[in-house]
Amino acid sequence: MLKVRLQRIGRKNDPAFRAVLTDSKNSTKSGKFLEILGTYNPKAGLANFDGERIKHWIGKGAKLSGTMHNFLITQNVITGKKINVLPKKKPTQKRKELKAKK
């Protein structure tokens, strides 16, 4: 299955990202992709995505990652509700409860 997601590029402590079309089986750090669909620089706050190409690939069946989905809604490329991409937080347990479980 094809997926549109962010791929980190740039040096240590200087993040920059590419929006790429890749197979979902490829890891994010593998460097393998089919097409570059845009860039995102979080330090400068710049996000440039090729909306037409992204819509083209979505029409062909490509899925969006949660973060890409939210970026595209913010830039009015697609419509819909944003997705919560933060992990679900587990309730904290006291030390006595943890020791009792062991």
PDB file of N, CA and C in Angstrom:
ATOM      1  N   MET A   1       0.845  -1.175   0.000  1.00  0.00           N
ATOM      2  CA  MET A   1       0.000   0.000   0.000  1.00  0.00           C
ATOM      3  C   MET A   1       0.894   1.242   0.000  1.00  0.00           C
ATOM      4  N   LEU A   2       0.556   2.199  -0.807  1.00  0.00           N
ATOM      5  CA  LEU A   2       1.316   3.448  -0.868  1.00  0.00           C
ATOM      6  C   LEU A   2       0.897   4.387   0.251  1.00  0.00           C
ATOM      7  N   LYS A   3       1.861   5.142   0.746  1.00  0.00           N
ATOM      8  CA  LYS A   3       1.598   6.043   1.864  1.00  0.00           C
ATOM      9  C   LYS A   3       2.320   7.359   1.634  1.00  0.00           C
ATOM     10  N   VAL A   4       1.659   8.464   1.980  1.00  0.00           N
ATOM     11  CA  VAL A   4       2.276   9.796   1.941  1.00  0.00           C
ATOM     12  C   VAL A   4       2.634  10.140   3.373  1.00  0.00           C
ATOM     13  N   ARG A   5       3.931  10.314   3.624  1.00  0.00           N
ATOM     14  CA  ARG A   5       4.372  10.616   4.986  1.00  0.00           C
ATOM     15  C   ARG A   5       5.615  11.476   4.977  1.00  0.00           C
ATOM     16  N   LEU A   6       6.010  11.938   6.160  1.00  0.00           N
ATOM     17  CA  LEU A   6       7.204  12.777   6.295  1.00  0.00           C
ATOM     18  C   LEU A   6       8.436  11.903   6.470  1.00  0.00           C
ATOM     19  N   GLN A   7       9.526  12.328   5.843  1.00  0.00           N
ATOM     20  CA  GLN A   7      10.815  11.656   5.976  1.00  0.00           C
ATOM     21  C   GLN A   7      11.818  12.691   6.463  1.00  0.00           C
ATOM     22  N   ARG A   8      12.500  12.390   7.560  1.00  0.00           N
ATOM     23  CA  ARG A   8      13.440  13.367   8.116  1.00  0.00           C
ATOM     24  C   ARG A   8      14.707  13.436   7.278  1.00  0.00           C
ATOM     25  N   ILE A   9      15.123  14.668   7.013  1.00  0.00           N
ATOM     26  CA  ILE A   9      16.397  14.930   6.351  1.00  0.00           C
ATOM     27  C   ILE A   9      17.084  16.006   7.179  1.00  0.00           C
ATOM     28  N   GLY A  10      18.273  16.351   6.849  1.00  0.00           N
ATOM     29  CA  GLY A  10      18.955  17.407   7.589  1.00  0.00           C
ATOM     30  C   GLY A  10      19.926  16.845   8.604  1.00  0.00           C
ATOM     31  N   ARG A  11      20.658  17.737   9.234  1.00  0.00           N
ATOM     32  CA  ARG A  11      21.690  17.346  10.180  1.00  0.00           C
ATOM     33  C   ARG A  11      21.134  17.176  11.583  1.00  0.00           C
ATOM     34  N   LYS A  12      21.996  16.708  12.462  1.00  0.00           N
ATOM     35  CA  LYS A  12      21.639  16.558  13.866  1.00  0.00           C
ATOM     36  C   LYS A  12      21.321  17.930  14.448  1.00  0.00           C
ATOM     37  N   ASN A  13      20.270  18.027  15.218  1.00  0.00           N
ATOM     38  CA  ASN A  13      19.795  19.266  15.834  1.00  0.00           C
ATOM     39  C   ASN A  13      19.336  20.316  14.822  1.00  0.00           C
ATOM     40  N   ASP A  14      19.165  19.942  13.573  1.00  0.00           N
ATOM     41  CA  ASP A  14      18.656  20.854  12.543  1.00  0.00           C
ATOM     42  C   ASP A  14      17.658  20.085  11.681  1.00  0.00           C
ATOM     43  N   PRO A  15      16.457  19.809  12.212  1.00  0.00           N
ATOM     44  CA  PRO A  15      15.530  18.957  11.484  1.00  0.00           C
ATOM     45  C   PRO A  15      14.918  19.645  10.267  1.00  0.00           C
ATOM     46  N   ALA A  16      14.719  18.864   9.256  1.00  0.00           N
ATOM     47  CA  ALA A  16      13.962  19.270   8.072  1.00  0.00           C
ATOM     48  C   ALA A  16      13.297  17.992   7.566  1.00  0.00           C
ATOM     49  N   PHE A  17      12.166  18.132   6.925  1.00  0.00           N
ATOM     50  CA  PHE A  17      11.411  16.968   6.496  1.00  0.00           C
ATOM     51  C   PHE A  17      10.995  17.093   5.042  1.00  0.00           C
ATOM     52  N   ARG A  18      10.872  15.928   4.380  1.00  0.00           N
ATOM     53  CA  ARG A  18      10.329  15.834   3.033  1.00  0.00           C
ATOM     54  C   ARG A  18       9.019  15.080   3.119  1.00  0.00           C
ATOM     55  N   ALA A  19       8.046  15.501   2.372  1.00  0.00           N
ATOM     56  CA  ALA A  19       6.825  14.719   2.214  1.00  0.00           C
ATOM     57  C   ALA A  19       7.065  13.799   1.027  1.00  0.00           C
ATOM     58  N   VAL A  20       7.008  12.494   1.256  1.00  0.00           N
ATOM     59  CA  VAL A  20       7.324  11.532   0.208  1.00  0.00           C
ATOM     60  C   VAL A  20       6.190  10.527   0.038  1.00  0.00           C
ATOM     61  N   LEU A  21       6.132   9.980  -1.156  1.00  0.00           N
ATOM     62  CA  LEU A  21       5.242   8.865  -1.456  1.00  0.00           C
ATOM     63  C   LEU A  21       6.098   7.611  -1.393  1.00  0.00           C
ATOM     64  N   THR A  22       5.726   6.679  -0.527  1.00  0.00           N
ATOM     65  CA  THR A  22       6.531   5.470  -0.361  1.00  0.00           C
ATOM     66  C   THR A  22       5.625   4.284  -0.090  1.00  0.00           C
ATOM     67  N   ASP A  23       6.196   3.098  -0.179  1.00  0.00           N
ATOM     68  CA  ASP A  23       5.464   1.904   0.192  1.00  0.00           C
ATOM     69  C   ASP A  23       5.394   1.849   1.712  1.00  0.00           C
ATOM     70  N   SER A  24       4.282   1.423   2.260  1.00  0.00           N
ATOM     71  CA  SER A  24       4.120   1.418   3.714  1.00  0.00           C
ATOM     72  C   SER A  24       5.066   0.430   4.384  1.00  0.00           C
ATOM     73  N   LYS A  25       5.591  -0.536   3.637  1.00  0.00           N
ATOM     74  CA  LYS A  25       6.522  -1.517   4.203  1.00  0.00           C
ATOM     75  C   LYS A  25       7.905  -0.910   4.445  1.00  0.00           C
ATOM     76  N   ASN A  26       8.277   0.133   3.687  1.00  0.00           N
ATOM     77  CA  ASN A  26       9.574   0.776   3.882  1.00  0.00           C
ATOM     78  C   ASN A  26       9.583   1.518   5.203  1.00  0.00           C
ATOM     79  N   SER A  27      10.707   1.432   5.916  1.00  0.00           N
ATOM     80  CA  SER A  27      10.799   2.195   7.159  1.00  0.00           C
ATOM     81  C   SER A  27      11.005   3.669   6.818  1.00  0.00           C
ATOM     82  N   THR A  28      10.776   4.523   7.785  1.00  0.00           N
ATOM     83  CA  THR A  28      10.895   5.959   7.542  1.00  0.00           C
ATOM     84  C   THR A  28      12.338   6.360   7.294  1.00  0.00           C
ATOM     85  N   LYS A  29      13.291   5.599   7.816  1.00  0.00           N
ATOM     86  CA  LYS A  29      14.704   5.944   7.662  1.00  0.00           C
ATOM     87  C   LYS A  29      15.384   5.194   6.523  1.00  0.00           C
ATOM     88  N   SER A  30      14.638   4.394   5.764  1.00  0.00           N
ATOM     89  CA  SER A  30      15.258   3.604   4.700  1.00  0.00           C
ATOM     90  C   SER A  30      15.754   4.468   3.548  1.00  0.00           C
ATOM     91  N   GLY A  31      15.123   5.619   3.328  1.00  0.00           N
ATOM     92  CA  GLY A  31      15.517   6.492   2.232  1.00  0.00           C
ATOM     93  C   GLY A  31      14.859   6.128   0.908  1.00  0.00           C
ATOM     94  N   LYS A  32      14.067   5.062   0.891  1.00  0.00           N
ATOM     95  CA  LYS A  32      13.404   4.641  -0.346  1.00  0.00           C
ATOM     96  C   LYS A  32      12.069   5.363  -0.485  1.00  0.00           C
ATOM     97  N   PHE A  33      11.829   5.943  -1.648  1.00  0.00           N
ATOM     98  CA  PHE A  33      10.549   6.594  -1.910  1.00  0.00           C
ATOM     99  C   PHE A  33      10.329   6.642  -3.401  1.00  0.00           C
ATOM    100  N   LEU A  34       9.102   6.887  -3.808  1.00  0.00           N
ATOM    101  CA  LEU A  34       8.755   6.949  -5.221  1.00  0.00           C
ATOM    102  C   LEU A  34       8.757   8.376  -5.751  1.00  0.00           C
ATOM    103  N   GLU A  35       8.309   9.326  -4.906  1.00  0.00           N
ATOM    104  CA  GLU A  35       8.206  10.706  -5.364  1.00  0.00           C
ATOM    105  C   GLU A  35       8.266  11.660  -4.169  1.00  0.00           C
ATOM    106  N   ILE A  36       8.931  12.797  -4.368  1.00  0.00           N
ATOM    107  CA  ILE A  36       8.953  13.846  -3.349  1.00  0.00           C
ATOM    108  C   ILE A  36       7.759  14.763  -3.605  1.00  0.00           C
ATOM    109  N   LEU A  37       6.941  14.962  -2.572  1.00  0.00           N
ATOM    110  CA  LEU A  37       5.713  15.737  -2.725  1.00  0.00           C
ATOM    111  C   LEU A  37       5.735  17.065  -1.989  1.00  0.00           C
ATOM    112  N   GLY A  38       6.832  17.391  -1.332  1.00  0.00           N
ATOM    113  CA  GLY A  38       6.916  18.667  -0.638  1.00  0.00           C
ATOM    114  C   GLY A  38       7.977  18.647   0.442  1.00  0.00           C
ATOM    115  N   THR A  39       8.097  19.782   1.136  1.00  0.00           N
ATOM    116  CA  THR A  39       9.073  19.911   2.212  1.00  0.00           C
ATOM    117  C   THR A  39       8.437  20.616   3.400  1.00  0.00           C
ATOM    118  N   TYR A  40       9.068  20.420   4.564  1.00  0.00           N
ATOM    119  CA  TYR A  40       8.631  21.087   5.789  1.00  0.00           C
ATOM    120  C   TYR A  40       9.857  21.414   6.617  1.00  0.00           C
ATOM    121  N   ASN A  41       9.995  22.685   6.980  1.00  0.00           N
ATOM    122  CA  ASN A  41      11.099  23.130   7.823  1.00  0.00           C
ATOM    123  C   ASN A  41      10.509  23.678   9.124  1.00  0.00           C
ATOM    124  N   PRO A  42      10.581  22.907  10.215  1.00  0.00           N
ATOM    125  CA  PRO A  42       9.939  23.350  11.451  1.00  0.00           C
ATOM    126  C   PRO A  42      10.602  24.562  12.096  1.00  0.00           C
ATOM    127  N   LYS A  43      11.905  24.743  11.920  1.00  0.00           N
ATOM    128  CA  LYS A  43      12.574  25.898  12.526  1.00  0.00           C
ATOM    129  C   LYS A  43      12.127  27.200  11.868  1.00  0.00           C
ATOM    130  N   ALA A  44      11.999  27.193  10.558  1.00  0.00           N
ATOM    131  CA  ALA A  44      11.555  28.388   9.838  1.00  0.00           C
ATOM    132  C   ALA A  44      10.028  28.469   9.770  1.00  0.00           C
ATOM    133  N   GLY A  45       9.356  27.357  10.051  1.00  0.00           N
ATOM    134  CA  GLY A  45       7.897  27.338   9.980  1.00  0.00           C
ATOM    135  C   GLY A  45       7.374  27.286   8.556  1.00  0.00           C
ATOM    136  N   LEU A  46       8.189  26.822   7.617  1.00  0.00           N
ATOM    137  CA  LEU A  46       7.785  26.758   6.209  1.00  0.00           C
ATOM    138  C   LEU A  46       7.311  25.356   5.857  1.00  0.00           C
ATOM    139  N   ALA A  47       6.164  25.280   5.201  1.00  0.00           N
ATOM    140  CA  ALA A  47       5.640  24.010   4.716  1.00  0.00           C
ATOM    141  C   ALA A  47       5.190  24.211   3.276  1.00  0.00           C
ATOM    142  N   ASN A  48       5.843  23.537   2.351  1.00  0.00           N
ATOM    143  CA  ASN A  48       5.509  23.617   0.924  1.00  0.00           C
ATOM    144  C   ASN A  48       5.144  22.225   0.433  1.00  0.00           C
ATOM    145  N   PHE A  49       3.863  22.005   0.165  1.00  0.00           N
ATOM    146  CA  PHE A  49       3.402  20.717  -0.328  1.00  0.00           C
ATOM    147  C   PHE A  49       2.757  20.903  -1.696  1.00  0.00           C
ATOM    148  N   ASP A  50       2.983  19.947  -2.592  1.00  0.00           N
ATOM    149  CA  ASP A  50       2.393  19.969  -3.930  1.00  0.00           C
ATOM    150  C   ASP A  50       0.999  19.354  -3.841  1.00  0.00           C
ATOM    151  N   GLY A  51       0.007  20.197  -3.608  1.00  0.00           N
ATOM    152  CA  GLY A  51      -1.364  19.742  -3.386  1.00  0.00           C
ATOM    153  C   GLY A  51      -1.948  18.939  -4.529  1.00  0.00           C
ATOM    154  N   GLU A  52      -1.646  19.326  -5.761  1.00  0.00           N
ATOM    155  CA  GLU A  52      -2.194  18.614  -6.920  1.00  0.00           C
ATOM    156  C   GLU A  52      -1.678  17.184  -6.987  1.00  0.00           C
ATOM    157  N   ARG A  53      -0.369  17.008  -6.769  1.00  0.00           N
ATOM    158  CA  ARG A  53       0.213  15.664  -6.826  1.00  0.00           C
ATOM    159  C   ARG A  53      -0.278  14.803  -5.665  1.00  0.00           C
ATOM    160  N   ILE A  54      -0.440  15.420  -4.496  1.00  0.00           N
ATOM    161  CA  ILE A  54      -0.927  14.662  -3.348  1.00  0.00           C
ATOM    162  C   ILE A  54      -2.358  14.205  -3.595  1.00  0.00           C
ATOM    163  N   LYS A  55      -3.203  15.081  -4.135  1.00  0.00           N
ATOM    164  CA  LYS A  55      -4.578  14.704  -4.463  1.00  0.00           C
ATOM    165  C   LYS A  55      -4.601  13.605  -5.522  1.00  0.00           C
ATOM    166  N   HIS A  56      -3.682  13.703  -6.494  1.00  0.00           N
ATOM    167  CA  HIS A  56      -3.573  12.682  -7.540  1.00  0.00           C
ATOM    168  C   HIS A  56      -3.309  11.314  -6.924  1.00  0.00           C
ATOM    169  N   TRP A  57      -2.349  11.227  -5.999  1.00  0.00           N
ATOM    170  CA  TRP A  57      -1.987   9.957  -5.389  1.00  0.00           C
ATOM    171  C   TRP A  57      -3.066   9.466  -4.428  1.00  0.00           C
ATOM    172  N   ILE A  58      -3.753  10.371  -3.755  1.00  0.00           N
ATOM    173  CA  ILE A  58      -4.857   9.959  -2.891  1.00  0.00           C
ATOM    174  C   ILE A  58      -5.964   9.337  -3.745  1.00  0.00           C
ATOM    175  N   GLY A  59      -6.199   9.926  -4.922  1.00  0.00           N
ATOM    176  CA  GLY A  59      -7.177   9.376  -5.854  1.00  0.00           C
ATOM    177  C   GLY A  59      -6.800   7.992  -6.355  1.00  0.00           C
ATOM    178  N   LYS A  60      -5.499   7.708  -6.411  1.00  0.00           N
ATOM    179  CA  LYS A  60      -5.024   6.389  -6.850  1.00  0.00           C
ATOM    180  C   LYS A  60      -5.005   5.374  -5.707  1.00  0.00           C
ATOM    181  N   GLY A  61      -5.333   5.823  -4.474  1.00  0.00           N
ATOM    182  CA  GLY A  61      -5.426   4.875  -3.366  1.00  0.00           C
ATOM    183  C   GLY A  61      -4.364   5.025  -2.295  1.00  0.00           C
ATOM    184  N   ALA A  62      -3.514   6.037  -2.383  1.00  0.00           N
ATOM    185  CA  ALA A  62      -2.489   6.237  -1.355  1.00  0.00           C
ATOM    186  C   ALA A  62      -3.135   6.751  -0.075  1.00  0.00           C
ATOM    187  N   LYS A  63      -2.606   6.315   1.056  1.00  0.00           N
ATOM    188  CA  LYS A  63      -3.103   6.754   2.357  1.00  0.00           C
ATOM    189  C   LYS A  63      -2.176   7.832   2.909  1.00  0.00           C
ATOM    190  N   LEU A  64      -2.710   8.685   3.785  1.00  0.00           N
ATOM    191  CA  LEU A  64      -1.925   9.732   4.424  1.00  0.00           C
ATOM    192  C   LEU A  64      -1.570   9.311   5.840  1.00  0.00           C
ATOM    193  N   SER A  65      -0.379   9.690   6.294  1.00  0.00           N
ATOM    194  CA  SER A  65      -0.069   9.507   7.711  1.00  0.00           C
ATOM    195  C   SER A  65      -0.874  10.545   8.489  1.00  0.00           C
ATOM    196  N   GLY A  66      -0.985  10.366   9.793  1.00  0.00           N
ATOM    197  CA  GLY A  66      -1.770  11.287  10.612  1.00  0.00           C
ATOM    198  C   GLY A  66      -1.249  12.707  10.552  1.00  0.00           C
ATOM    199  N   THR A  67       0.066  12.869  10.639  1.00  0.00           N
ATOM    200  CA  THR A  67       0.672  14.200  10.620  1.00  0.00           C
ATOM    201  C   THR A  67       0.474  14.870   9.265  1.00  0.00           C
ATOM    202  N   MET A  68       0.646  14.130   8.187  1.00  0.00           N
ATOM    203  CA  MET A  68       0.440  14.705   6.851  1.00  0.00           C
ATOM    204  C   MET A  68      -1.028  15.099   6.670  1.00  0.00           C
ATOM    205  N   HIS A  69      -1.931  14.284   7.175  1.00  0.00           N
ATOM    206  CA  HIS A  69      -3.361  14.594   7.100  1.00  0.00           C
ATOM    207  C   HIS A  69      -3.639  15.941   7.764  1.00  0.00           C
ATOM    208  N   ASN A  70      -3.065  16.147   8.969  1.00  0.00           N
ATOM    209  CA  ASN A  70      -3.282  17.402   9.694  1.00  0.00           C
ATOM    210  C   ASN A  70      -2.644  18.592   8.980  1.00  0.00           C
ATOM    211  N   PHE A  71      -1.452  18.416   8.402  1.00  0.00           N
ATOM    212  CA  PHE A  71      -0.810  19.495   7.649  1.00  0.00           C
ATOM    213  C   PHE A  71      -1.667  19.913   6.460  1.00  0.00           C
ATOM    214  N   LEU A  72      -2.193  18.944   5.734  1.00  0.00           N
ATOM    215  CA  LEU A  72      -2.969  19.248   4.531  1.00  0.00           C
ATOM    216  C   LEU A  72      -4.299  19.912   4.868  1.00  0.00           C
ATOM    217  N   ILE A  73      -4.886  19.572   6.007  1.00  0.00           N
ATOM    218  CA  ILE A  73      -6.104  20.258   6.438  1.00  0.00           C
ATOM    219  C   ILE A  73      -5.783  21.699   6.798  1.00  0.00           C
ATOM    220  N   THR A  74      -4.653  21.924   7.488  1.00  0.00           N
ATOM    221  CA  THR A  74      -4.252  23.281   7.861  1.00  0.00           C
ATOM    222  C   THR A  74      -4.034  24.154   6.633  1.00  0.00           C
ATOM    223  N   GLN A  75      -3.463  23.585   5.567  1.00  0.00           N
ATOM    224  CA  GLN A  75      -3.184  24.343   4.347  1.00  0.00           C
ATOM    225  C   GLN A  75      -4.342  24.327   3.363  1.00  0.00           C
ATOM    226  N   ASN A  76      -5.498  23.798   3.772  1.00  0.00           N
ATOM    227  CA  ASN A  76      -6.710  23.746   2.947  1.00  0.00           C
ATOM    228  C   ASN A  76      -6.516  22.979   1.637  1.00  0.00           C
ATOM    229  N   VAL A  77      -5.658  21.974   1.635  1.00  0.00           N
ATOM    230  CA  VAL A  77      -5.513  21.105   0.465  1.00  0.00           C
ATOM    231  C   VAL A  77      -6.643  20.084   0.466  1.00  0.00           C
ATOM    232  N   ILE A  78      -6.961  19.546   1.637  1.00  0.00           N
ATOM    233  CA  ILE A  78      -8.085  18.631   1.783  1.00  0.00           C
ATOM    234  C   ILE A  78      -8.994  19.174   2.887  1.00  0.00           C
ATOM    235  N   THR A  79     -10.193  18.633   2.973  1.00  0.00           N
ATOM    236  CA  THR A  79     -11.129  19.060   4.014  1.00  0.00           C
ATOM    237  C   THR A  79     -11.388  17.896   4.956  1.00  0.00           C
ATOM    238  N   GLY A  80     -11.788  18.213   6.154  1.00  0.00           N
ATOM    239  CA  GLY A  80     -12.098  17.185   7.141  1.00  0.00           C
ATOM    240  C   GLY A  80     -11.658  17.617   8.517  1.00  0.00           C
ATOM    241  N   LYS A  81     -11.742  16.686   9.453  1.00  0.00           N
ATOM    242  CA  LYS A  81     -11.324  16.965  10.819  1.00  0.00           C
ATOM    243  C   LYS A  81      -9.882  16.506  11.009  1.00  0.00           C
ATOM    244  N   LYS A  82      -9.186  17.178  11.913  1.00  0.00           N
ATOM    245  CA  LYS A  82      -7.833  16.770  12.247  1.00  0.00           C
ATOM    246  C   LYS A  82      -7.870  15.489  13.085  1.00  0.00           C
ATOM    247  N   ILE A  83      -6.774  14.738  12.989  1.00  0.00           N
ATOM    248  CA  ILE A  83      -6.632  13.478  13.703  1.00  0.00           C
ATOM    249  C   ILE A  83      -5.724  13.704  14.899  1.00  0.00           C
ATOM    250  N   ASN A  84      -6.055  13.104  16.041  1.00  0.00           N
ATOM    251  CA  ASN A  84      -5.168  13.168  17.195  1.00  0.00           C
ATOM    252  C   ASN A  84      -4.020  12.196  16.970  1.00  0.00           C
ATOM    253  N   VAL A  85      -2.808  12.716  16.781  1.00  0.00           N
ATOM    254  CA  VAL A  85      -1.651  11.869  16.496  1.00  0.00           C
ATOM    255  C   VAL A  85      -0.788  11.627  17.727  1.00  0.00           C
ATOM    256  N   LEU A  86      -1.147  12.233  18.853  1.00  0.00           N
ATOM    257  CA  LEU A  86      -0.391  12.015  20.076  1.00  0.00           C
ATOM    258  C   LEU A  86      -0.725  10.646  20.653  1.00  0.00           C
ATOM    259  N   PRO A  87       0.258   9.983  21.277  1.00  0.00           N
ATOM    260  CA  PRO A  87      -0.029   8.671  21.860  1.00  0.00           C
ATOM    261  C   PRO A  87      -0.964   8.798  23.058  1.00  0.00           C
ATOM    262  N   LYS A  88      -1.732   7.753  23.283  1.00  0.00           N
ATOM    263  CA  LYS A  88      -2.635   7.751  24.430  1.00  0.00           C
ATOM    264  C   LYS A  88      -1.809   7.609  25.692  1.00  0.00           C
ATOM    265  N   LYS A  89      -2.118   8.430  26.664  1.00  0.00           N
ATOM    266  CA  LYS A  89      -1.347   8.431  27.899  1.00  0.00           C
ATOM    267  C   LYS A  89      -1.906   7.385  28.859  1.00  0.00           C
ATOM    268  N   LYS A  90      -1.009   6.588  29.442  1.00  0.00           N
ATOM    269  CA  LYS A  90      -1.422   5.593  30.419  1.00  0.00           C
ATOM    270  C   LYS A  90      -1.541   6.268  31.780  1.00  0.00           C
ATOM    271  N   PRO A  91      -2.481   5.834  32.589  1.00  0.00           N
ATOM    272  CA  PRO A  91      -2.572   6.423  33.930  1.00  0.00           C
ATOM    273  C   PRO A  91      -1.350   6.035  34.757  1.00  0.00           C
ATOM    274  N   THR A  92      -0.867   6.971  35.547  1.00  0.00           N
ATOM    275  CA  THR A  92       0.318   6.700  36.356  1.00  0.00           C
ATOM    276  C   THR A  92      -0.053   5.790  37.518  1.00  0.00           C
ATOM    277  N   GLN A  93       0.875   4.892  37.855  1.00  0.00           N
ATOM    278  CA  GLN A  93       0.653   3.974  38.955  1.00  0.00           C
ATOM    279  C   GLN A  93       1.650   4.267  40.062  1.00  0.00           C
ATOM    280  N   LYS A  94       1.231   4.072  41.288  1.00  0.00           N
ATOM    281  CA  LYS A  94       2.123   4.289  42.414  1.00  0.00           C
ATOM    282  C   LYS A  94       3.109   3.134  42.518  1.00  0.00           C
ATOM    283  N   ARG A  95       4.229   3.368  43.182  1.00  0.00           N
ATOM    284  CA  ARG A  95       5.285   2.355  43.287  1.00  0.00           C
ATOM    285  C   ARG A  95       4.782   1.083  43.988  1.00  0.00           C
ATOM    286  N   LYS A  96       3.964   1.223  44.998  1.00  0.00           N
ATOM    287  CA  LYS A  96       3.470   0.053  45.730  1.00  0.00           C
ATOM    288  C   LYS A  96       2.648  -0.841  44.809  1.00  0.00           C
ATOM    289  N   GLU A  97       1.857  -0.238  43.941  1.00  0.00           N
ATOM    290  CA  GLU A  97       1.046  -1.011  43.000  1.00  0.00           C
ATOM    291  C   GLU A  97       1.936  -1.731  42.014  1.00  0.00           C
ATOM    292  N   LEU A  98       3.019  -1.102  41.584  1.00  0.00           N
ATOM    293  CA  LEU A  98       3.927  -1.737  40.646  1.00  0.00           C
ATOM    294  C   LEU A  98       4.639  -2.925  41.286  1.00  0.00           C
ATOM    295  N   LYS A  99       5.078  -2.770  42.534  1.00  0.00           N
ATOM    296  CA  LYS A  99       5.761  -3.853  43.232  1.00  0.00           C
ATOM    297  C   LYS A  99       4.811  -5.016  43.498  1.00  0.00           C
ATOM    298  N   ALA A 100       3.554  -4.709  43.794  1.00  0.00           N
ATOM    299  CA  ALA A 100       2.570  -5.751  44.062  1.00  0.00           C
ATOM    300  C   ALA A 100       2.293  -6.584  42.823  1.00  0.00           C
ATOM    301  N   LYS A 101       2.378  -5.988  41.651  1.00  0.00           N
ATOM    302  CA  LYS A 101       2.111  -6.713  40.406  1.00  0.00           C
ATOM    303  C   LYS A 101       3.239  -7.672  40.052  1.00  0.00           C
ATOM    304  N   LYS A 102       4.462  -7.358  40.489  1.00  0.00           N
ATOM    305  CA  LYS A 102       5.618  -8.228  40.179  1.00  0.00           C
ATOM    306  C   LYS A 102       5.548  -9.433  41.054  1.00  0.00           C
TER     307      LYS A 102
END
